[in-house]
């Protein structure tokens, strides 16, 4: 999310800021995650992971798609705008920023974009598209937050942030029944905020 990026940790708990490992993570982890999401949705309920059959909003698909994309873009722009403010004004965001900088700083713009695309697409398909219709909004958001963990107490802020963002993205999916807005928001937030972390 706004303050998230895939990272590898060694057995001692230190971050390994290797561009090779991080870009490999995108392929090795997010590829199977995408396939798992598609299979879970199809074989579990005979549906596509990027749609809901009974969204809260009763409207034709083109309208729901437009609303999903519009709200996803609005969410992304809002989160990207408030991230620098949080980093400047809150201790927890500065501390988390410093930890993420160790991972993000060595990455090129192309690697950041690839990681943002892979993580945003795969995670939305798996958590919102496949898991949420089965486990529900709150349980899925809690699990989404729980998998965003790190080796130090400061990473608890990352976990909390992921839970909140998972809840918002999940609400958007429930409202429209269209996953493309949450995917747009997730990818955009990851790409812009990782770029911000690296440049700062």
N, C-alpha and C. Protein backbone atom coordinates (compact mmCIF):
# COMPACT_ATOMS: atom_id res chain seq x y z
N UNK A 1 0.82 -1.17 0.00
CA UNK A 1 0.00 0.00 0.00
C UNK A 1 0.87 1.24 0.00
N UNK A 2 0.32 2.29 0.63
CA UNK A 2 1.09 3.51 0.56
C UNK A 2 2.47 3.35 1.15
N UNK A 3 2.59 2.47 2.11
CA UNK A 3 3.87 2.29 2.78
C UNK A 3 4.27 0.83 2.76
N UNK A 4 4.10 0.20 1.60
CA UNK A 4 4.43 -1.22 1.57
C UNK A 4 5.25 -1.56 0.34
N UNK A 5 6.07 -2.63 0.49
CA UNK A 5 6.85 -3.14 -0.61
C UNK A 5 7.32 -4.53 -0.21
N UNK A 6 7.42 -5.43 -1.17
CA UNK A 6 7.91 -6.76 -0.86
C UNK A 6 9.35 -6.71 -0.42
N UNK A 7 9.71 -7.52 0.57
CA UNK A 7 11.07 -7.54 1.07
C UNK A 7 11.42 -8.94 1.53
N UNK A 8 12.71 -9.23 1.50
CA UNK A 8 13.21 -10.50 2.03
C UNK A 8 13.89 -10.24 3.36
N UNK A 9 13.75 -11.19 4.27
CA UNK A 9 14.41 -11.08 5.56
C UNK A 9 15.25 -12.33 5.78
N UNK A 10 16.46 -12.14 6.29
CA UNK A 10 17.29 -13.31 6.59
C UNK A 10 16.94 -13.81 7.98
N UNK A 11 17.61 -14.86 8.43
CA UNK A 11 17.27 -15.48 9.70
C UNK A 11 17.60 -14.58 10.89
N UNK A 12 18.46 -13.60 10.70
CA UNK A 12 18.78 -12.70 11.79
C UNK A 12 17.82 -11.53 11.87
N UNK A 13 16.93 -11.41 10.90
CA UNK A 13 15.94 -10.36 10.93
C UNK A 13 16.35 -9.10 10.18
N UNK A 14 17.50 -9.08 9.54
CA UNK A 14 17.93 -7.89 8.81
C UNK A 14 17.39 -7.92 7.40
N UNK A 15 17.17 -6.73 6.85
CA UNK A 15 16.64 -6.62 5.50
C UNK A 15 17.77 -6.82 4.50
N UNK A 16 17.47 -7.55 3.43
CA UNK A 16 18.44 -7.77 2.38
C UNK A 16 18.02 -6.97 1.15
N UNK A 17 18.55 -5.76 0.97
CA UNK A 17 18.11 -4.90 -0.13
C UNK A 17 18.77 -5.29 -1.45
N UNK A 18 18.37 -6.41 -2.00
CA UNK A 18 18.92 -6.89 -3.25
C UNK A 18 17.88 -6.75 -4.35
N UNK A 19 18.22 -6.01 -5.41
CA UNK A 19 17.27 -5.84 -6.50
C UNK A 19 16.95 -7.17 -7.16
N UNK A 20 17.94 -8.06 -7.22
CA UNK A 20 17.69 -9.37 -7.81
C UNK A 20 16.68 -10.14 -7.00
N UNK A 21 16.84 -10.14 -5.68
CA UNK A 21 15.91 -10.89 -4.84
C UNK A 21 14.52 -10.28 -4.87
N UNK A 22 14.44 -8.97 -4.91
CA UNK A 22 13.13 -8.32 -4.88
C UNK A 22 12.40 -8.54 -6.19
N UNK A 23 13.09 -8.41 -7.31
CA UNK A 23 12.42 -8.64 -8.59
C UNK A 23 12.08 -10.12 -8.76
N UNK A 24 12.92 -11.00 -8.22
CA UNK A 24 12.60 -12.43 -8.25
C UNK A 24 11.37 -12.71 -7.40
N UNK A 25 11.25 -12.01 -6.27
CA UNK A 25 10.08 -12.15 -5.41
C UNK A 25 8.80 -11.87 -6.20
N UNK A 26 8.84 -10.84 -7.02
CA UNK A 26 7.66 -10.47 -7.79
C UNK A 26 7.21 -11.60 -8.69
N UNK A 27 8.15 -12.32 -9.28
CA UNK A 27 7.80 -13.42 -10.18
C UNK A 27 7.47 -14.70 -9.42
N UNK A 28 8.30 -15.03 -8.44
CA UNK A 28 8.17 -16.32 -7.74
C UNK A 28 6.97 -16.33 -6.79
N UNK A 29 6.69 -15.20 -6.13
CA UNK A 29 5.58 -15.15 -5.18
C UNK A 29 4.28 -14.71 -5.85
N UNK A 30 4.34 -13.63 -6.60
CA UNK A 30 3.10 -13.06 -7.12
C UNK A 30 2.53 -13.82 -8.31
N UNK A 31 3.36 -14.54 -9.05
CA UNK A 31 2.85 -15.38 -10.12
C UNK A 31 1.95 -16.49 -9.59
N UNK A 32 2.45 -17.34 -8.69
CA UNK A 32 1.59 -18.37 -8.10
C UNK A 32 0.40 -17.80 -7.33
N UNK A 33 0.58 -16.64 -6.69
CA UNK A 33 -0.53 -16.02 -5.97
C UNK A 33 -1.67 -15.67 -6.92
N UNK A 34 -1.32 -15.17 -8.10
CA UNK A 34 -2.33 -14.85 -9.11
C UNK A 34 -3.05 -16.11 -9.58
N UNK A 35 -2.29 -17.13 -9.89
CA UNK A 35 -2.89 -18.38 -10.35
C UNK A 35 -3.76 -19.01 -9.25
N UNK A 36 -3.28 -18.94 -8.02
CA UNK A 36 -4.06 -19.46 -6.91
C UNK A 36 -5.38 -18.73 -6.73
N UNK A 37 -5.36 -17.41 -6.90
CA UNK A 37 -6.59 -16.63 -6.78
C UNK A 37 -7.59 -17.00 -7.85
N UNK A 38 -7.12 -17.11 -9.09
CA UNK A 38 -8.01 -17.45 -10.20
C UNK A 38 -8.61 -18.84 -10.00
N UNK A 39 -7.78 -19.79 -9.55
CA UNK A 39 -8.26 -21.16 -9.33
C UNK A 39 -9.24 -21.21 -8.17
N UNK A 40 -8.95 -20.51 -7.07
CA UNK A 40 -9.82 -20.50 -5.90
C UNK A 40 -11.21 -19.98 -6.26
N UNK A 41 -11.25 -18.86 -6.98
CA UNK A 41 -12.54 -18.27 -7.35
C UNK A 41 -13.31 -19.18 -8.30
N UNK A 42 -12.60 -19.75 -9.29
CA UNK A 42 -13.29 -20.54 -10.30
C UNK A 42 -13.77 -21.88 -9.76
N UNK A 43 -12.87 -22.61 -9.11
CA UNK A 43 -13.24 -23.94 -8.63
C UNK A 43 -14.05 -23.89 -7.35
N UNK A 44 -13.94 -22.80 -6.60
CA UNK A 44 -14.70 -22.68 -5.37
C UNK A 44 -16.12 -22.20 -5.57
N UNK A 45 -16.31 -21.32 -6.57
CA UNK A 45 -17.65 -20.75 -6.75
C UNK A 45 -18.03 -20.60 -8.22
N UNK A 46 -17.20 -21.07 -9.13
CA UNK A 46 -17.50 -20.98 -10.54
C UNK A 46 -17.62 -19.55 -11.04
N UNK A 47 -16.75 -18.68 -10.55
CA UNK A 47 -16.81 -17.27 -10.94
C UNK A 47 -15.41 -16.75 -11.23
N UNK A 48 -15.38 -15.54 -11.78
CA UNK A 48 -14.10 -14.87 -12.02
C UNK A 48 -13.72 -14.06 -10.79
N UNK A 49 -12.42 -14.04 -10.47
CA UNK A 49 -11.96 -13.38 -9.25
C UNK A 49 -12.11 -11.87 -9.30
N UNK A 50 -12.30 -11.30 -10.48
CA UNK A 50 -12.35 -9.85 -10.59
C UNK A 50 -13.77 -9.30 -10.57
N UNK A 51 -14.77 -10.13 -10.25
CA UNK A 51 -16.15 -9.65 -10.18
C UNK A 51 -16.89 -10.27 -9.00
N UNK A 52 -17.93 -9.57 -8.56
CA UNK A 52 -18.87 -10.09 -7.58
C UNK A 52 -20.25 -10.15 -8.24
N UNK A 53 -20.99 -11.20 -7.95
CA UNK A 53 -22.32 -11.33 -8.55
C UNK A 53 -23.35 -10.46 -7.86
N UNK A 54 -23.16 -10.16 -6.59
CA UNK A 54 -24.16 -9.38 -5.84
C UNK A 54 -23.50 -8.18 -5.15
N UNK A 55 -23.08 -7.18 -5.91
CA UNK A 55 -22.50 -5.97 -5.29
C UNK A 55 -23.58 -5.15 -4.60
N UNK A 56 -23.15 -4.26 -3.73
CA UNK A 56 -24.10 -3.38 -3.05
C UNK A 56 -24.78 -2.43 -4.04
N UNK A 57 -24.05 -2.00 -5.03
CA UNK A 57 -24.57 -1.04 -6.00
C UNK A 57 -25.31 -1.78 -7.11
N UNK A 58 -26.60 -1.51 -7.25
CA UNK A 58 -27.39 -2.13 -8.30
C UNK A 58 -27.37 -1.24 -9.54
N UNK A 59 -26.47 -1.55 -10.45
CA UNK A 59 -26.32 -0.76 -11.67
C UNK A 59 -25.70 -1.65 -12.74
N UNK A 60 -25.85 -1.29 -14.01
CA UNK A 60 -25.22 -2.07 -15.08
C UNK A 60 -23.70 -2.10 -14.91
N UNK A 61 -23.08 -3.15 -15.45
CA UNK A 61 -21.64 -3.31 -15.28
C UNK A 61 -20.84 -2.10 -15.76
N UNK A 62 -21.13 -1.51 -16.93
CA UNK A 62 -20.31 -0.35 -17.36
C UNK A 62 -20.33 0.78 -16.35
N UNK A 63 -21.47 1.02 -15.73
CA UNK A 63 -21.54 2.08 -14.72
C UNK A 63 -20.72 1.71 -13.49
N UNK A 64 -20.83 0.46 -13.05
CA UNK A 64 -20.07 0.03 -11.88
C UNK A 64 -18.58 0.03 -12.16
N UNK A 65 -18.20 -0.31 -13.39
CA UNK A 65 -16.79 -0.26 -13.77
C UNK A 65 -16.26 1.17 -13.71
N UNK A 66 -17.03 2.10 -14.23
CA UNK A 66 -16.61 3.50 -14.21
C UNK A 66 -16.50 4.02 -12.78
N UNK A 67 -17.45 3.67 -11.94
CA UNK A 67 -17.41 4.09 -10.54
C UNK A 67 -16.23 3.46 -9.82
N UNK A 68 -15.98 2.18 -10.08
CA UNK A 68 -14.85 1.49 -9.47
C UNK A 68 -13.53 2.16 -9.82
N UNK A 69 -13.35 2.43 -11.11
CA UNK A 69 -12.10 3.06 -11.55
C UNK A 69 -11.98 4.49 -11.01
N UNK A 70 -13.10 5.22 -11.00
CA UNK A 70 -13.06 6.59 -10.50
C UNK A 70 -12.73 6.65 -9.02
N UNK A 71 -13.38 5.80 -8.24
CA UNK A 71 -13.10 5.77 -6.80
C UNK A 71 -11.70 5.23 -6.51
N UNK A 72 -11.27 4.25 -7.30
CA UNK A 72 -9.92 3.73 -7.13
C UNK A 72 -8.87 4.81 -7.39
N UNK A 73 -9.07 5.59 -8.44
CA UNK A 73 -8.14 6.68 -8.75
C UNK A 73 -8.17 7.74 -7.66
N UNK A 74 -9.36 8.08 -7.19
CA UNK A 74 -9.48 9.08 -6.12
C UNK A 74 -8.78 8.60 -4.85
N UNK A 75 -8.95 7.33 -4.52
CA UNK A 75 -8.28 6.77 -3.35
C UNK A 75 -6.77 6.83 -3.50
N UNK A 76 -6.28 6.43 -4.67
CA UNK A 76 -4.84 6.43 -4.91
C UNK A 76 -4.26 7.84 -4.78
N UNK A 77 -4.90 8.81 -5.41
CA UNK A 77 -4.41 10.18 -5.35
C UNK A 77 -4.41 10.71 -3.92
N UNK A 78 -5.44 10.35 -3.16
CA UNK A 78 -5.52 10.81 -1.77
C UNK A 78 -4.41 10.21 -0.92
N UNK A 79 -4.21 8.91 -1.03
CA UNK A 79 -3.19 8.24 -0.22
C UNK A 79 -1.79 8.72 -0.59
N UNK A 80 -1.53 8.85 -1.89
CA UNK A 80 -0.22 9.33 -2.33
C UNK A 80 0.02 10.76 -1.83
N UNK A 81 -1.03 11.58 -1.78
CA UNK A 81 -0.88 12.95 -1.32
C UNK A 81 -0.61 13.04 0.18
N UNK A 82 -1.24 12.15 0.97
CA UNK A 82 -1.06 12.25 2.43
C UNK A 82 0.19 11.55 2.93
N UNK A 83 0.77 10.67 2.13
CA UNK A 83 1.96 9.95 2.59
C UNK A 83 3.10 10.89 2.98
N UNK A 84 3.50 11.87 2.13
CA UNK A 84 4.58 12.78 2.55
C UNK A 84 4.22 13.56 3.81
N UNK A 85 2.95 13.90 3.96
CA UNK A 85 2.52 14.63 5.16
C UNK A 85 2.72 13.77 6.40
N UNK A 86 2.35 12.50 6.31
CA UNK A 86 2.54 11.60 7.44
C UNK A 86 4.02 11.43 7.77
N UNK A 87 4.85 11.30 6.74
CA UNK A 87 6.28 11.13 6.96
C UNK A 87 6.88 12.36 7.64
N UNK A 88 6.41 13.53 7.24
CA UNK A 88 6.95 14.76 7.82
C UNK A 88 6.45 15.01 9.24
N UNK A 89 5.23 14.57 9.56
CA UNK A 89 4.60 15.00 10.79
C UNK A 89 4.43 13.92 11.85
N UNK A 90 4.65 12.65 11.48
CA UNK A 90 4.46 11.59 12.48
C UNK A 90 5.73 10.76 12.63
N UNK A 91 5.99 10.38 13.86
CA UNK A 91 7.19 9.61 14.16
C UNK A 91 7.12 8.21 13.57
N UNK A 92 5.94 7.57 13.67
CA UNK A 92 5.81 6.20 13.18
C UNK A 92 6.04 6.12 11.67
N UNK A 93 5.53 7.11 10.93
CA UNK A 93 5.71 7.09 9.48
C UNK A 93 7.16 7.34 9.11
N UNK A 94 7.85 8.21 9.82
CA UNK A 94 9.28 8.45 9.55
C UNK A 94 10.10 7.19 9.83
N UNK A 95 9.79 6.52 10.94
CA UNK A 95 10.54 5.31 11.28
C UNK A 95 10.30 4.21 10.24
N UNK A 96 9.05 4.06 9.83
CA UNK A 96 8.74 3.05 8.82
C UNK A 96 9.36 3.41 7.48
N UNK A 97 9.32 4.69 7.15
CA UNK A 97 9.94 5.17 5.91
C UNK A 97 11.42 4.80 5.88
N UNK A 98 12.10 4.99 7.00
CA UNK A 98 13.53 4.68 7.07
C UNK A 98 13.79 3.20 6.85
N UNK A 99 12.93 2.34 7.39
CA UNK A 99 13.08 0.90 7.19
C UNK A 99 12.84 0.52 5.73
N UNK A 100 11.79 1.07 5.14
CA UNK A 100 11.47 0.75 3.74
C UNK A 100 12.52 1.31 2.79
N UNK A 101 13.15 2.40 3.17
CA UNK A 101 14.16 3.00 2.31
C UNK A 101 15.32 2.04 2.07
N UNK A 102 15.65 1.23 3.06
CA UNK A 102 16.74 0.26 2.89
C UNK A 102 16.43 -0.73 1.78
N UNK A 103 15.15 -1.03 1.60
CA UNK A 103 14.74 -1.99 0.58
C UNK A 103 14.55 -1.32 -0.77
N UNK A 104 13.94 -0.14 -0.76
CA UNK A 104 13.52 0.51 -2.00
C UNK A 104 14.67 1.26 -2.68
N UNK A 105 15.58 1.85 -1.90
CA UNK A 105 16.62 2.71 -2.46
C UNK A 105 17.41 2.08 -3.60
N UNK A 106 17.78 0.78 -3.52
CA UNK A 106 18.58 0.20 -4.62
C UNK A 106 17.79 -0.07 -5.89
N UNK A 107 16.47 0.05 -5.87
CA UNK A 107 15.67 -0.33 -7.02
C UNK A 107 15.66 0.75 -8.09
N UNK A 108 15.62 0.34 -9.34
CA UNK A 108 15.47 1.28 -10.45
C UNK A 108 13.99 1.61 -10.62
N UNK A 109 13.70 2.61 -11.44
CA UNK A 109 12.31 2.97 -11.72
C UNK A 109 11.56 1.82 -12.35
N UNK A 110 12.22 1.10 -13.25
CA UNK A 110 11.57 -0.04 -13.91
C UNK A 110 11.27 -1.14 -12.91
N UNK A 111 12.18 -1.39 -11.98
CA UNK A 111 11.97 -2.44 -10.97
C UNK A 111 10.84 -2.06 -10.02
N UNK A 112 10.77 -0.79 -9.66
CA UNK A 112 9.68 -0.33 -8.80
C UNK A 112 8.34 -0.51 -9.50
N UNK A 113 8.28 -0.13 -10.77
CA UNK A 113 7.03 -0.26 -11.52
C UNK A 113 6.63 -1.72 -11.66
N UNK A 114 7.58 -2.59 -11.95
CA UNK A 114 7.29 -4.01 -12.08
C UNK A 114 6.78 -4.59 -10.77
N UNK A 115 7.43 -4.23 -9.67
CA UNK A 115 7.03 -4.73 -8.36
C UNK A 115 5.64 -4.21 -7.98
N UNK A 116 5.36 -2.95 -8.30
CA UNK A 116 4.05 -2.37 -8.00
C UNK A 116 2.95 -3.07 -8.79
N UNK A 117 3.21 -3.32 -10.07
CA UNK A 117 2.22 -4.01 -10.91
C UNK A 117 1.97 -5.43 -10.41
N UNK A 118 3.04 -6.14 -10.14
CA UNK A 118 2.92 -7.54 -9.72
C UNK A 118 2.22 -7.66 -8.38
N UNK A 119 2.63 -6.85 -7.42
CA UNK A 119 2.04 -6.95 -6.08
C UNK A 119 0.60 -6.46 -6.06
N UNK A 120 0.33 -5.33 -6.70
CA UNK A 120 -1.02 -4.80 -6.70
C UNK A 120 -2.01 -5.72 -7.38
N UNK A 121 -1.64 -6.26 -8.53
CA UNK A 121 -2.53 -7.13 -9.28
C UNK A 121 -2.77 -8.44 -8.54
N UNK A 122 -1.68 -9.09 -8.12
CA UNK A 122 -1.81 -10.40 -7.49
C UNK A 122 -2.51 -10.33 -6.14
N UNK A 123 -2.15 -9.36 -5.32
CA UNK A 123 -2.75 -9.27 -3.99
C UNK A 123 -4.23 -8.93 -4.05
N UNK A 124 -4.63 -8.06 -4.98
CA UNK A 124 -6.05 -7.76 -5.09
C UNK A 124 -6.84 -8.98 -5.58
N UNK A 125 -6.30 -9.69 -6.56
CA UNK A 125 -6.98 -10.89 -7.02
C UNK A 125 -7.13 -11.91 -5.90
N UNK A 126 -6.08 -12.09 -5.11
CA UNK A 126 -6.12 -13.12 -4.08
C UNK A 126 -6.97 -12.71 -2.89
N UNK A 127 -6.66 -11.53 -2.32
CA UNK A 127 -7.33 -11.16 -1.07
C UNK A 127 -8.75 -10.65 -1.30
N UNK A 128 -8.91 -9.67 -2.18
CA UNK A 128 -10.25 -9.15 -2.42
C UNK A 128 -11.04 -10.07 -3.34
N UNK A 129 -10.46 -10.49 -4.47
CA UNK A 129 -11.21 -11.24 -5.46
C UNK A 129 -11.57 -12.65 -5.06
N UNK A 130 -10.62 -13.38 -4.45
CA UNK A 130 -10.85 -14.78 -4.11
C UNK A 130 -11.22 -14.98 -2.65
N UNK A 131 -10.49 -14.35 -1.74
CA UNK A 131 -10.69 -14.60 -0.31
C UNK A 131 -11.90 -13.88 0.27
N UNK A 132 -12.09 -12.62 -0.08
CA UNK A 132 -13.14 -11.83 0.57
C UNK A 132 -14.55 -12.41 0.39
N UNK A 133 -14.92 -12.90 -0.80
CA UNK A 133 -16.26 -13.48 -0.92
C UNK A 133 -16.47 -14.71 -0.06
N UNK A 134 -15.39 -15.36 0.35
CA UNK A 134 -15.49 -16.56 1.17
C UNK A 134 -15.44 -16.25 2.66
N UNK A 135 -14.47 -15.44 3.07
CA UNK A 135 -14.24 -15.17 4.49
C UNK A 135 -14.89 -13.88 4.98
N UNK A 136 -15.27 -13.01 4.08
CA UNK A 136 -15.87 -11.74 4.47
C UNK A 136 -14.87 -10.60 4.51
N UNK A 137 -15.40 -9.39 4.55
CA UNK A 137 -14.59 -8.18 4.48
C UNK A 137 -13.63 -8.04 5.66
N UNK A 138 -14.13 -8.17 6.88
CA UNK A 138 -13.30 -7.92 8.05
C UNK A 138 -12.21 -8.98 8.21
N UNK A 139 -12.57 -10.25 8.08
CA UNK A 139 -11.57 -11.31 8.23
C UNK A 139 -10.48 -11.19 7.17
N UNK A 140 -10.88 -10.89 5.95
CA UNK A 140 -9.89 -10.75 4.87
C UNK A 140 -8.97 -9.57 5.14
N UNK A 141 -9.52 -8.46 5.62
CA UNK A 141 -8.69 -7.29 5.91
C UNK A 141 -7.71 -7.57 7.04
N UNK A 142 -8.17 -8.31 8.05
CA UNK A 142 -7.27 -8.68 9.15
C UNK A 142 -6.13 -9.57 8.66
N UNK A 143 -6.46 -10.53 7.81
CA UNK A 143 -5.42 -11.42 7.26
C UNK A 143 -4.46 -10.62 6.38
N UNK A 144 -5.01 -9.72 5.58
CA UNK A 144 -4.17 -8.89 4.72
C UNK A 144 -3.19 -8.07 5.55
N UNK A 145 -3.67 -7.52 6.66
CA UNK A 145 -2.77 -6.78 7.54
C UNK A 145 -1.74 -7.69 8.18
N UNK A 146 -2.18 -8.88 8.59
CA UNK A 146 -1.29 -9.80 9.30
C UNK A 146 -0.13 -10.28 8.45
N UNK A 147 -0.32 -10.40 7.13
CA UNK A 147 0.78 -10.88 6.29
C UNK A 147 1.78 -9.78 5.97
N UNK A 148 1.45 -8.54 6.33
CA UNK A 148 2.39 -7.43 6.15
C UNK A 148 3.11 -7.21 7.48
N UNK A 149 4.11 -8.00 7.69
CA UNK A 149 4.83 -7.99 8.96
C UNK A 149 6.31 -7.75 8.69
N UNK A 150 7.03 -7.42 9.75
CA UNK A 150 8.47 -7.23 9.66
C UNK A 150 9.14 -7.66 10.95
N UNK A 151 10.47 -7.60 10.98
CA UNK A 151 11.21 -8.15 12.12
C UNK A 151 11.35 -7.21 13.31
N UNK A 152 10.86 -5.97 13.18
CA UNK A 152 11.04 -5.00 14.27
C UNK A 152 9.68 -4.41 14.66
N UNK A 153 9.57 -3.89 15.89
CA UNK A 153 8.29 -3.31 16.32
C UNK A 153 7.77 -2.20 15.41
N UNK A 154 8.68 -1.43 14.79
CA UNK A 154 8.24 -0.34 13.93
C UNK A 154 7.38 -0.83 12.77
N UNK A 155 7.55 -2.10 12.39
CA UNK A 155 6.78 -2.64 11.28
C UNK A 155 5.33 -2.89 11.64
N UNK A 156 4.97 -2.80 12.92
CA UNK A 156 3.56 -2.91 13.31
C UNK A 156 2.73 -1.81 12.67
N UNK A 157 3.35 -0.66 12.42
CA UNK A 157 2.64 0.41 11.73
C UNK A 157 2.29 -0.01 10.31
N UNK A 158 3.18 -0.76 9.68
CA UNK A 158 2.93 -1.28 8.33
C UNK A 158 1.75 -2.24 8.35
N UNK A 159 1.71 -3.10 9.37
CA UNK A 159 0.62 -4.06 9.52
C UNK A 159 -0.72 -3.35 9.68
N UNK A 160 -0.73 -2.34 10.54
CA UNK A 160 -1.96 -1.58 10.77
C UNK A 160 -2.40 -0.84 9.51
N UNK A 161 -1.43 -0.23 8.84
CA UNK A 161 -1.72 0.49 7.60
C UNK A 161 -2.31 -0.46 6.56
N UNK A 162 -1.73 -1.64 6.43
CA UNK A 162 -2.23 -2.62 5.46
C UNK A 162 -3.65 -3.05 5.80
N UNK A 163 -3.95 -3.23 7.09
CA UNK A 163 -5.30 -3.59 7.49
C UNK A 163 -6.30 -2.52 7.07
N UNK A 164 -5.98 -1.26 7.36
CA UNK A 164 -6.89 -0.16 7.02
C UNK A 164 -7.08 -0.07 5.51
N UNK A 165 -5.99 -0.15 4.75
CA UNK A 165 -6.11 -0.06 3.31
C UNK A 165 -6.85 -1.27 2.74
N UNK A 166 -6.63 -2.44 3.32
CA UNK A 166 -7.36 -3.62 2.89
C UNK A 166 -8.86 -3.46 3.11
N UNK A 167 -9.22 -2.83 4.23
CA UNK A 167 -10.62 -2.58 4.52
C UNK A 167 -11.24 -1.62 3.50
N UNK A 168 -10.52 -0.55 3.17
CA UNK A 168 -11.03 0.43 2.21
C UNK A 168 -11.15 -0.19 0.82
N UNK A 169 -10.13 -0.91 0.39
CA UNK A 169 -10.16 -1.56 -0.92
C UNK A 169 -11.27 -2.61 -0.97
N UNK A 170 -11.46 -3.32 0.14
CA UNK A 170 -12.52 -4.32 0.20
C UNK A 170 -13.90 -3.69 0.12
N UNK A 171 -14.08 -2.54 0.76
CA UNK A 171 -15.35 -1.82 0.68
C UNK A 171 -15.64 -1.38 -0.75
N UNK A 172 -14.62 -0.92 -1.44
CA UNK A 172 -14.79 -0.53 -2.84
C UNK A 172 -15.21 -1.71 -3.70
N UNK A 173 -14.63 -2.86 -3.44
CA UNK A 173 -15.01 -4.07 -4.18
C UNK A 173 -16.44 -4.49 -3.87
N UNK A 174 -16.81 -4.44 -2.59
CA UNK A 174 -18.18 -4.80 -2.21
C UNK A 174 -19.19 -3.84 -2.83
N UNK A 175 -18.84 -2.57 -2.89
CA UNK A 175 -19.76 -1.56 -3.42
C UNK A 175 -20.05 -1.78 -4.90
N UNK A 176 -19.00 -1.96 -5.68
CA UNK A 176 -19.15 -1.99 -7.14
C UNK A 176 -19.18 -3.40 -7.72
N UNK A 177 -18.59 -4.36 -7.01
CA UNK A 177 -18.48 -5.71 -7.56
C UNK A 177 -17.46 -5.81 -8.66
N UNK A 178 -16.63 -4.78 -8.81
CA UNK A 178 -15.61 -4.73 -9.87
C UNK A 178 -14.25 -4.54 -9.21
N UNK A 179 -13.29 -5.39 -9.53
CA UNK A 179 -11.99 -5.37 -8.87
C UNK A 179 -11.00 -4.40 -9.50
N UNK A 180 -11.31 -3.88 -10.68
CA UNK A 180 -10.32 -3.08 -11.39
C UNK A 180 -10.00 -1.76 -10.68
N UNK A 181 -10.96 -1.19 -9.97
CA UNK A 181 -10.67 0.01 -9.19
C UNK A 181 -9.69 -0.24 -8.06
N UNK A 182 -9.93 -1.27 -7.21
CA UNK A 182 -8.93 -1.60 -6.19
C UNK A 182 -7.56 -1.94 -6.77
N UNK A 183 -7.52 -2.63 -7.90
CA UNK A 183 -6.23 -2.94 -8.53
C UNK A 183 -5.53 -1.66 -8.94
N UNK A 184 -6.27 -0.75 -9.59
CA UNK A 184 -5.69 0.53 -9.99
C UNK A 184 -5.13 1.27 -8.80
N UNK A 185 -5.92 1.35 -7.72
CA UNK A 185 -5.46 2.07 -6.53
C UNK A 185 -4.22 1.42 -5.93
N UNK A 186 -4.24 0.11 -5.80
CA UNK A 186 -3.13 -0.62 -5.18
C UNK A 186 -1.83 -0.42 -5.96
N UNK A 187 -1.91 -0.59 -7.28
CA UNK A 187 -0.72 -0.44 -8.13
C UNK A 187 -0.20 0.99 -8.08
N UNK A 188 -1.09 1.95 -8.22
CA UNK A 188 -0.68 3.36 -8.25
C UNK A 188 -0.03 3.76 -6.92
N UNK A 189 -0.67 3.39 -5.82
CA UNK A 189 -0.12 3.74 -4.50
C UNK A 189 1.26 3.12 -4.31
N UNK A 190 1.39 1.86 -4.64
CA UNK A 190 2.70 1.21 -4.49
C UNK A 190 3.76 1.88 -5.34
N UNK A 191 3.44 2.13 -6.59
CA UNK A 191 4.44 2.70 -7.51
C UNK A 191 4.86 4.10 -7.08
N UNK A 192 3.89 4.96 -6.79
CA UNK A 192 4.22 6.35 -6.46
C UNK A 192 4.91 6.45 -5.10
N UNK A 193 4.47 5.67 -4.12
CA UNK A 193 5.06 5.79 -2.80
C UNK A 193 6.43 5.14 -2.72
N UNK A 194 6.65 4.05 -3.46
CA UNK A 194 8.01 3.51 -3.52
C UNK A 194 8.95 4.49 -4.22
N UNK A 195 8.45 5.16 -5.25
CA UNK A 195 9.25 6.18 -5.93
C UNK A 195 9.56 7.32 -4.98
N UNK A 196 8.58 7.73 -4.20
CA UNK A 196 8.80 8.79 -3.21
C UNK A 196 9.84 8.39 -2.17
N UNK A 197 9.74 7.16 -1.68
CA UNK A 197 10.71 6.68 -0.70
C UNK A 197 12.12 6.69 -1.28
N UNK A 198 12.26 6.23 -2.51
CA UNK A 198 13.58 6.18 -3.11
C UNK A 198 14.15 7.58 -3.35
N UNK A 199 13.35 8.49 -3.83
CA UNK A 199 13.84 9.84 -4.13
C UNK A 199 14.15 10.63 -2.89
N UNK A 200 13.38 10.42 -1.83
CA UNK A 200 13.60 11.17 -0.61
C UNK A 200 14.81 10.65 0.15
